[in-house]
Amino acid sequence: MSIEVLAAVTGVILYRKYKHTTAKYFIFFLVYVIVTALIARYTLYVKNNGPLSFLDGTLMERNYWWFTICWKITAVVFFGWYYLKVLNNAISKRILKISLIGFSISSMLIILLTLPDFFTKPIPLISILGAIIILQCVYFYFMEILQSENILTFYKSLTFYISVAILLYWLIKTPLVFYEQYYRKLDMNYVSLRRYINLFVILFMYTTFTIGLIVSKPDKNEG
């Protein structure tokens, strides 16, 4: 949580640097992440006669549903929209736009068709489709960089740091949804392993975001 807060605070402090570019929306997104993470902690007040104990034993006693909506769907839609803003190639933008619409509609249908799994565990298909969107975003961006003069100054672009961070995050995190059945007290080895994997990818992603915000130069053409 602290590294997420660091990235968001860094973004807020440097907001004036990016306020005339698309990057400002990324700063808003970092703040959104903190808010959703804090709300997700409602589960701490469900057990042991907490103030939300009335949720104990209901479908909402765990926060799978919250993270599915706010991260696995909304975050993917945000990144898709963000890359639509920064990409220049019309064909790439058209493909990504169609994919994004398809992902949004498919996610809603998958949730409806898999109830009540939506409340009790991650839905692998949504994670896979989301990863495909992220891969498209990053692929189209890197292809544009390689085919333009920006290849000489790629390290000055915030979108470059975002791309590296989310690519690694989704490539590592997506396969973990298939092993959710092992995430229980009876298999503490896996619980410990996943904890370390989560710690690594989260530290890497938000540290990269923070570094990117600090060292990047605003691109007035993006926005």
C-alpha atoms as a PDB file:
ATOM      1  CA  MET A   1       0.000   0.000   0.000  1.00  0.00           C
ATOM      2  CA  SER A   2       2.830   2.392   0.841  1.00  0.00           C
ATOM      3  CA  ILE A   3       4.443   2.098  -2.608  1.00  0.00           C
ATOM      4  CA  GLU A   4       1.042   2.702  -4.227  1.00  0.00           C
ATOM      5  CA  VAL A   5       0.608   5.818  -2.093  1.00  0.00           C
ATOM      6  CA  LEU A   6       4.129   6.956  -3.018  1.00  0.00           C
ATOM      7  CA  ALA A   7       3.319   6.755  -6.734  1.00  0.00           C
ATOM      8  CA  ALA A   8       0.028   8.626  -6.287  1.00  0.00           C
ATOM      9  CA  VAL A   9       1.576  11.343  -4.101  1.00  0.00           C
ATOM     10  CA  THR A  10       4.429  11.761  -6.578  1.00  0.00           C
ATOM     11  CA  GLY A  11       1.875  12.183  -9.346  1.00  0.00           C
ATOM     12  CA  VAL A  12      -0.105  14.769  -7.383  1.00  0.00           C
ATOM     13  CA  ILE A  13       3.057  16.727  -6.539  1.00  0.00           C
ATOM     14  CA  LEU A  14       4.129  16.720 -10.191  1.00  0.00           C
ATOM     15  CA  TYR A  15       0.635  17.356 -11.554  1.00  0.00           C
ATOM     16  CA  ARG A  16       1.503  20.823 -12.851  1.00  0.00           C
ATOM     17  CA  LYS A  17       4.268  19.246 -14.919  1.00  0.00           C
ATOM     18  CA  TYR A  18       1.751  17.056 -16.769  1.00  0.00           C
ATOM     19  CA  LYS A  19      -1.493  19.035 -16.558  1.00  0.00           C
ATOM     20  CA  HIS A  20      -1.496  19.858 -20.285  1.00  0.00           C
ATOM     21  CA  THR A  21      -0.864  16.270 -21.396  1.00  0.00           C
ATOM     22  CA  THR A  22      -2.702  12.946 -21.364  1.00  0.00           C
ATOM     23  CA  ALA A  23      -0.442  11.901 -18.469  1.00  0.00           C
ATOM     24  CA  LYS A  24      -2.640  13.904 -16.099  1.00  0.00           C
ATOM     25  CA  TYR A  25      -5.305  11.222 -16.456  1.00  0.00           C
ATOM     26  CA  PHE A  26      -2.768   8.630 -15.365  1.00  0.00           C
ATOM     27  CA  ILE A  27      -2.216  10.640 -12.181  1.00  0.00           C
ATOM     28  CA  PHE A  28      -5.975  10.620 -11.587  1.00  0.00           C
ATOM     29  CA  PHE A  29      -5.858   6.860 -12.076  1.00  0.00           C
ATOM     30  CA  LEU A  30      -3.154   6.448  -9.414  1.00  0.00           C
ATOM     31  CA  VAL A  31      -5.357   8.304  -6.932  1.00  0.00           C
ATOM     32  CA  TYR A  32      -8.284   6.103  -7.970  1.00  0.00           C
ATOM     33  CA  VAL A  33      -6.182   3.011  -7.181  1.00  0.00           C
ATOM     34  CA  ILE A  34      -5.597   4.228  -3.623  1.00  0.00           C
ATOM     35  CA  VAL A  35      -9.288   4.947  -3.073  1.00  0.00           C
ATOM     36  CA  THR A  36     -10.375   1.527  -4.362  1.00  0.00           C
ATOM     37  CA  ALA A  37      -7.681  -0.234  -2.305  1.00  0.00           C
ATOM     38  CA  LEU A  38      -8.873   1.509   0.852  1.00  0.00           C
ATOM     39  CA  ILE A  39     -12.507   0.618   0.162  1.00  0.00           C
ATOM     40  CA  ALA A  40     -11.478  -3.007  -0.483  1.00  0.00           C
ATOM     41  CA  ARG A  41     -10.296  -3.192   3.120  1.00  0.00           C
ATOM     42  CA  TYR A  42     -13.913  -3.309   4.237  1.00  0.00           C
ATOM     43  CA  THR A  43     -13.396  -7.070   4.636  1.00  0.00           C
ATOM     44  CA  LEU A  44     -11.289  -6.356   7.744  1.00  0.00           C
ATOM     45  CA  TYR A  45     -14.452  -5.170   9.498  1.00  0.00           C
ATOM     46  CA  VAL A  46     -16.643  -8.130   8.567  1.00  0.00           C
ATOM     47  CA  LYS A  47     -15.250 -10.794  10.893  1.00  0.00           C
ATOM     48  CA  ASN A  48     -15.101 -10.842  14.705  1.00  0.00           C
ATOM     49  CA  ASN A  49     -18.260  -8.779  15.180  1.00  0.00           C
ATOM     50  CA  GLY A  50     -16.856  -5.806  13.306  1.00  0.00           C
ATOM     51  CA  PRO A  51     -19.042  -2.908  12.189  1.00  0.00           C
ATOM     52  CA  LEU A  52     -19.716  -4.737   8.913  1.00  0.00           C
ATOM     53  CA  SER A  53     -20.424  -8.104  10.534  1.00  0.00           C
ATOM     54  CA  PHE A  54     -23.852  -8.112   8.880  1.00  0.00           C
ATOM     55  CA  LEU A  55     -21.999  -9.061   5.682  1.00  0.00           C
ATOM     56  CA  ASP A  56     -20.549 -12.196   7.272  1.00  0.00           C
ATOM     57  CA  GLY A  57     -21.900 -15.243   5.476  1.00  0.00           C
ATOM     58  CA  THR A  58     -23.156 -13.221   2.511  1.00  0.00           C
ATOM     59  CA  LEU A  59     -21.780 -13.090  -1.027  1.00  0.00           C
ATOM     60  CA  MET A  60     -20.097  -9.788  -0.223  1.00  0.00           C
ATOM     61  CA  GLU A  61     -18.067 -10.968   2.755  1.00  0.00           C
ATOM     62  CA  ARG A  62     -15.022 -11.181   0.449  1.00  0.00           C
ATOM     63  CA  ASN A  63     -13.838  -8.533  -1.983  1.00  0.00           C
ATOM     64  CA  TYR A  64     -13.305 -10.567  -5.157  1.00  0.00           C
ATOM     65  CA  TRP A  65     -16.236  -8.768  -6.776  1.00  0.00           C
ATOM     66  CA  TRP A  66     -14.756  -5.372  -5.947  1.00  0.00           C
ATOM     67  CA  PHE A  67     -11.339  -6.096  -7.438  1.00  0.00           C
ATOM     68  CA  THR A  68     -12.901  -7.697 -10.506  1.00  0.00           C
ATOM     69  CA  ILE A  69     -14.879  -4.534 -11.242  1.00  0.00           C
ATOM     70  CA  CYS A  70     -12.373  -1.895 -10.118  1.00  0.00           C
ATOM     71  CA  TRP A  71      -9.116  -3.477 -11.274  1.00  0.00           C
ATOM     72  CA  LYS A  72      -9.570  -6.355 -13.698  1.00  0.00           C
ATOM     73  CA  ILE A  73     -12.182  -4.488 -15.719  1.00  0.00           C
ATOM     74  CA  THR A  74     -12.005  -0.760 -14.979  1.00  0.00           C
ATOM     75  CA  ALA A  75      -8.192  -0.582 -14.891  1.00  0.00           C
ATOM     76  CA  VAL A  76      -7.944  -2.430 -18.198  1.00  0.00           C
ATOM     77  CA  VAL A  77     -10.538  -0.121 -19.760  1.00  0.00           C
ATOM     78  CA  PHE A  78      -8.606   2.876 -18.460  1.00  0.00           C
ATOM     79  CA  PHE A  79      -5.317   1.711 -19.951  1.00  0.00           C
ATOM     80  CA  GLY A  80      -7.042   0.938 -23.234  1.00  0.00           C
ATOM     81  CA  TRP A  81      -8.531   4.432 -23.286  1.00  0.00           C
ATOM     82  CA  TYR A  82      -5.188   5.973 -22.280  1.00  0.00           C
ATOM     83  CA  TYR A  83      -3.354   4.299 -25.154  1.00  0.00           C
ATOM     84  CA  LEU A  84      -6.064   5.381 -27.565  1.00  0.00           C
ATOM     85  CA  LYS A  85      -5.128   8.915 -26.537  1.00  0.00           C
ATOM     86  CA  VAL A  86      -1.373   8.487 -27.036  1.00  0.00           C
ATOM     87  CA  LEU A  87      -1.254   6.265 -30.115  1.00  0.00           C
ATOM     88  CA  ASN A  88      -1.049   7.903 -33.540  1.00  0.00           C
ATOM     89  CA  ASN A  89      -1.534   4.995 -35.946  1.00  0.00           C
ATOM     90  CA  ALA A  90      -5.166   4.963 -37.101  1.00  0.00           C
ATOM     91  CA  ILE A  91      -5.275   1.199 -37.730  1.00  0.00           C
ATOM     92  CA  SER A  92      -3.823   0.409 -34.300  1.00  0.00           C
ATOM     93  CA  LYS A  93      -6.327   2.719 -32.643  1.00  0.00           C
ATOM     94  CA  ARG A  94      -9.228   1.159 -34.540  1.00  0.00           C
ATOM     95  CA  ILE A  95      -8.195  -2.373 -33.562  1.00  0.00           C
ATOM     96  CA  LEU A  96      -7.684  -1.381 -29.929  1.00  0.00           C
ATOM     97  CA  LYS A  97     -11.020   0.448 -29.806  1.00  0.00           C
ATOM     98  CA  ILE A  98     -12.910  -2.565 -31.145  1.00  0.00           C
ATOM     99  CA  SER A  99     -11.063  -4.866 -28.728  1.00  0.00           C
ATOM    100  CA  LEU A 100     -11.863  -2.561 -25.828  1.00  0.00           C
ATOM    101  CA  ILE A 101     -15.567  -2.490 -26.636  1.00  0.00           C
ATOM    102  CA  GLY A 102     -15.562  -6.263 -27.031  1.00  0.00           C
ATOM    103  CA  PHE A 103     -13.774  -6.692 -23.702  1.00  0.00           C
ATOM    104  CA  SER A 104     -16.249  -4.469 -21.856  1.00  0.00           C
ATOM    105  CA  ILE A 105     -19.293  -6.265 -23.252  1.00  0.00           C
ATOM    106  CA  SER A 106     -17.740  -9.714 -22.778  1.00  0.00           C
ATOM    107  CA  SER A 107     -16.796  -8.989 -19.171  1.00  0.00           C
ATOM    108  CA  MET A 108     -20.358  -8.034 -18.275  1.00  0.00           C
ATOM    109  CA  LEU A 109     -21.733 -11.157 -19.953  1.00  0.00           C
ATOM    110  CA  ILE A 110     -19.149 -13.401 -18.262  1.00  0.00           C
ATOM    111  CA  ILE A 111     -20.087 -12.010 -14.863  1.00  0.00           C
ATOM    112  CA  LEU A 112     -23.781 -12.641 -15.480  1.00  0.00           C
ATOM    113  CA  LEU A 113     -23.127 -16.169 -16.743  1.00  0.00           C
ATOM    114  CA  THR A 114     -20.799 -17.172 -13.902  1.00  0.00           C
ATOM    115  CA  LEU A 115     -22.780 -15.914 -10.922  1.00  0.00           C
ATOM    116  CA  PRO A 116     -22.210 -16.408  -8.017  1.00  0.00           C
ATOM    117  CA  ASP A 117     -18.510 -17.093  -8.814  1.00  0.00           C
ATOM    118  CA  PHE A 118     -18.145 -13.351  -9.322  1.00  0.00           C
ATOM    119  CA  PHE A 119     -18.418 -12.927  -5.534  1.00  0.00           C
ATOM    120  CA  THR A 120     -16.395 -15.922  -4.395  1.00  0.00           C
ATOM    121  CA  LYS A 121     -13.307 -16.150  -6.619  1.00  0.00           C
ATOM    122  CA  PRO A 122     -11.458 -14.554  -9.533  1.00  0.00           C
ATOM    123  CA  ILE A 123     -12.847 -15.200 -12.996  1.00  0.00           C
ATOM    124  CA  PRO A 124      -9.932 -16.450 -15.155  1.00  0.00           C
ATOM    125  CA  LEU A 125     -11.540 -15.571 -18.494  1.00  0.00           C
ATOM    126  CA  ILE A 126     -11.841 -11.886 -17.564  1.00  0.00           C
ATOM    127  CA  SER A 127      -8.193 -11.858 -16.486  1.00  0.00           C
ATOM    128  CA  ILE A 128      -7.099 -13.436 -19.772  1.00  0.00           C
ATOM    129  CA  LEU A 129      -9.142 -11.030 -21.894  1.00  0.00           C
ATOM    130  CA  GLY A 130      -7.800  -8.112 -19.861  1.00  0.00           C
ATOM    131  CA  ALA A 131      -4.226  -9.304 -20.391  1.00  0.00           C
ATOM    132  CA  ILE A 132      -4.862  -9.433 -24.145  1.00  0.00           C
ATOM    133  CA  ILE A 133      -5.972  -5.785 -24.092  1.00  0.00           C
ATOM    134  CA  ILE A 134      -2.852  -4.790 -22.139  1.00  0.00           C
ATOM    135  CA  LEU A 135      -0.632  -6.713 -24.556  1.00  0.00           C
ATOM    136  CA  GLN A 136      -2.273  -4.931 -27.490  1.00  0.00           C
ATOM    137  CA  CYS A 137      -1.736  -1.538 -25.872  1.00  0.00           C
ATOM    138  CA  VAL A 138       1.935  -2.170 -25.200  1.00  0.00           C
ATOM    139  CA  TYR A 139       2.580  -3.842 -28.562  1.00  0.00           C
ATOM    140  CA  PHE A 140       1.047  -0.987 -30.569  1.00  0.00           C
ATOM    141  CA  TYR A 141       2.941   1.583 -28.496  1.00  0.00           C
ATOM    142  CA  PHE A 142       6.325  -0.107 -28.883  1.00  0.00           C
ATOM    143  CA  MET A 143       5.759  -0.587 -32.614  1.00  0.00           C
ATOM    144  CA  GLU A 144       5.119   3.142 -32.979  1.00  0.00           C
ATOM    145  CA  ILE A 145       8.235   3.961 -30.969  1.00  0.00           C
ATOM    146  CA  LEU A 146      10.382   1.668 -33.121  1.00  0.00           C
ATOM    147  CA  GLN A 147       9.051   3.219 -36.321  1.00  0.00           C
ATOM    148  CA  SER A 148       9.495   6.847 -35.297  1.00  0.00           C
ATOM    149  CA  GLU A 149      12.175   9.290 -34.232  1.00  0.00           C
ATOM    150  CA  ASN A 150      10.986   8.876 -30.642  1.00  0.00           C
ATOM    151  CA  ILE A 151      13.170   5.778 -30.419  1.00  0.00           C
ATOM    152  CA  LEU A 152      16.037   8.154 -29.612  1.00  0.00           C
ATOM    153  CA  THR A 153      14.271   9.658 -26.608  1.00  0.00           C
ATOM    154  CA  PHE A 154      11.960   6.823 -25.496  1.00  0.00           C
ATOM    155  CA  TYR A 155      13.317   7.017 -21.950  1.00  0.00           C
ATOM    156  CA  LYS A 156      11.863  10.524 -21.590  1.00  0.00           C
ATOM    157  CA  SER A 157       8.290   9.330 -22.165  1.00  0.00           C
ATOM    158  CA  LEU A 158       6.070   8.469 -19.212  1.00  0.00           C
ATOM    159  CA  THR A 159       4.119   6.078 -21.445  1.00  0.00           C
ATOM    160  CA  PHE A 160       7.297   4.019 -21.893  1.00  0.00           C
ATOM    161  CA  TYR A 161       7.568   3.458 -18.134  1.00  0.00           C
ATOM    162  CA  ILE A 162       3.851   2.707 -17.890  1.00  0.00           C
ATOM    163  CA  SER A 163       4.165   0.163 -20.709  1.00  0.00           C
ATOM    164  CA  VAL A 164       7.094  -1.695 -19.151  1.00  0.00           C
ATOM    165  CA  ALA A 165       5.389  -1.798 -15.749  1.00  0.00           C
ATOM    166  CA  ILE A 166       1.945  -3.007 -16.821  1.00  0.00           C
ATOM    167  CA  LEU A 167       3.383  -5.525 -19.295  1.00  0.00           C
ATOM    168  CA  LEU A 168       5.387  -7.297 -16.591  1.00  0.00           C
ATOM    169  CA  TYR A 169       2.543  -7.029 -14.084  1.00  0.00           C
ATOM    170  CA  TRP A 170      -0.097  -8.606 -16.322  1.00  0.00           C
ATOM    171  CA  LEU A 171       2.249 -11.272 -17.694  1.00  0.00           C
ATOM    172  CA  ILE A 172       3.073 -12.460 -14.182  1.00  0.00           C
ATOM    173  CA  LYS A 173      -0.250 -11.948 -12.436  1.00  0.00           C
ATOM    174  CA  THR A 174      -2.623 -13.361 -15.045  1.00  0.00           C
ATOM    175  CA  PRO A 175      -1.476 -17.029 -14.775  1.00  0.00           C
ATOM    176  CA  LEU A 176      -1.959 -16.921 -10.988  1.00  0.00           C
ATOM    177  CA  VAL A 177      -5.754 -16.927 -11.339  1.00  0.00           C
ATOM    178  CA  PHE A 178      -5.561 -20.573 -12.416  1.00  0.00           C
ATOM    179  CA  TYR A 179      -3.997 -21.506  -9.069  1.00  0.00           C
ATOM    180  CA  GLU A 180      -6.510 -19.754  -6.842  1.00  0.00           C
ATOM    181  CA  GLN A 181      -7.744 -23.128  -5.545  1.00  0.00           C
ATOM    182  CA  TYR A 182      -4.397 -23.563  -3.773  1.00  0.00           C
ATOM    183  CA  TYR A 183      -4.657 -20.216  -1.982  1.00  0.00           C
ATOM    184  CA  ARG A 184      -5.792 -21.564   1.380  1.00  0.00           C
ATOM    185  CA  LYS A 185      -4.358 -22.264   4.803  1.00  0.00           C
ATOM    186  CA  LEU A 186      -3.894 -25.950   3.975  1.00  0.00           C
ATOM    187  CA  ASP A 187      -1.300 -25.005   1.353  1.00  0.00           C
ATOM    188  CA  MET A 188       0.812 -22.370   3.083  1.00  0.00           C
ATOM    189  CA  ASN A 189       3.720 -22.942   0.719  1.00  0.00           C
ATOM    190  CA  TYR A 190       1.675 -21.604  -2.166  1.00  0.00           C
ATOM    191  CA  VAL A 191       0.208 -18.835  -0.020  1.00  0.00           C
ATOM    192  CA  SER A 192       3.735 -17.702   0.840  1.00  0.00           C
ATOM    193  CA  LEU A 193       4.911 -17.983  -2.774  1.00  0.00           C
ATOM    194  CA  ARG A 194       2.014 -15.931  -4.089  1.00  0.00           C
ATOM    195  CA  ARG A 195       2.567 -13.323  -1.406  1.00  0.00           C
ATOM    196  CA  TYR A 196       6.152 -12.841  -2.576  1.00  0.00           C
ATOM    197  CA  ILE A 197       5.118 -12.763  -6.237  1.00  0.00           C
ATOM    198  CA  ASN A 198       2.470 -10.140  -5.498  1.00  0.00           C
ATOM    199  CA  LEU A 199       4.953  -8.105  -3.497  1.00  0.00           C
ATOM    200  CA  PHE A 200       7.499  -8.188  -6.318  1.00  0.00           C
ATOM    201  CA  VAL A 201       5.154  -7.209  -9.146  1.00  0.00           C
ATOM    202  CA  ILE A 202       3.448  -4.475  -7.135  1.00  0.00           C
ATOM    203  CA  LEU A 203       6.767  -3.012  -5.972  1.00  0.00           C
ATOM    204  CA  PHE A 204       8.140  -3.140  -9.504  1.00  0.00           C
ATOM    205  CA  MET A 205       5.062  -1.613 -11.124  1.00  0.00           C
ATOM    206  CA  TYR A 206       4.545   1.306  -8.754  1.00  0.00           C
ATOM    207  CA  THR A 207       8.265   1.992  -8.385  1.00  0.00           C
ATOM    208  CA  THR A 208       8.482   2.175 -12.181  1.00  0.00           C
ATOM    209  CA  PHE A 209       5.468   4.508 -12.245  1.00  0.00           C
ATOM    210  CA  THR A 210       7.135   6.741  -9.652  1.00  0.00           C
ATOM    211  CA  ILE A 211      10.467   6.843 -11.480  1.00  0.00           C
ATOM    212  CA  GLY A 212       8.683   7.514 -14.755  1.00  0.00           C
ATOM    213  CA  LEU A 213       6.760  10.455 -13.306  1.00  0.00           C
ATOM    214  CA  ILE A 214       9.979  11.978 -11.992  1.00  0.00           C
ATOM    215  CA  VAL A 215      12.322  11.539 -14.962  1.00  0.00           C
ATOM    216  CA  SER A 216       9.905  11.865 -17.894  1.00  0.00           C
ATOM    217  CA  LYS A 217       9.369  15.017 -19.886  1.00  0.00           C
ATOM    218  CA  PRO A 218       5.785  16.027 -20.728  1.00  0.00           C
ATOM    219  CA  ASP A 219       4.842  15.372 -24.329  1.00  0.00           C
ATOM    220  CA  LYS A 220       2.544  18.192 -25.442  1.00  0.00           C
ATOM    221  CA  ASN A 221       1.560  16.083 -28.470  1.00  0.00           C
ATOM    222  CA  GLU A 222      -0.100  13.567 -26.145  1.00  0.00           C
ATOM    223  CA  GLY A 223      -3.275  15.329 -25.164  1.00  0.00           C
END
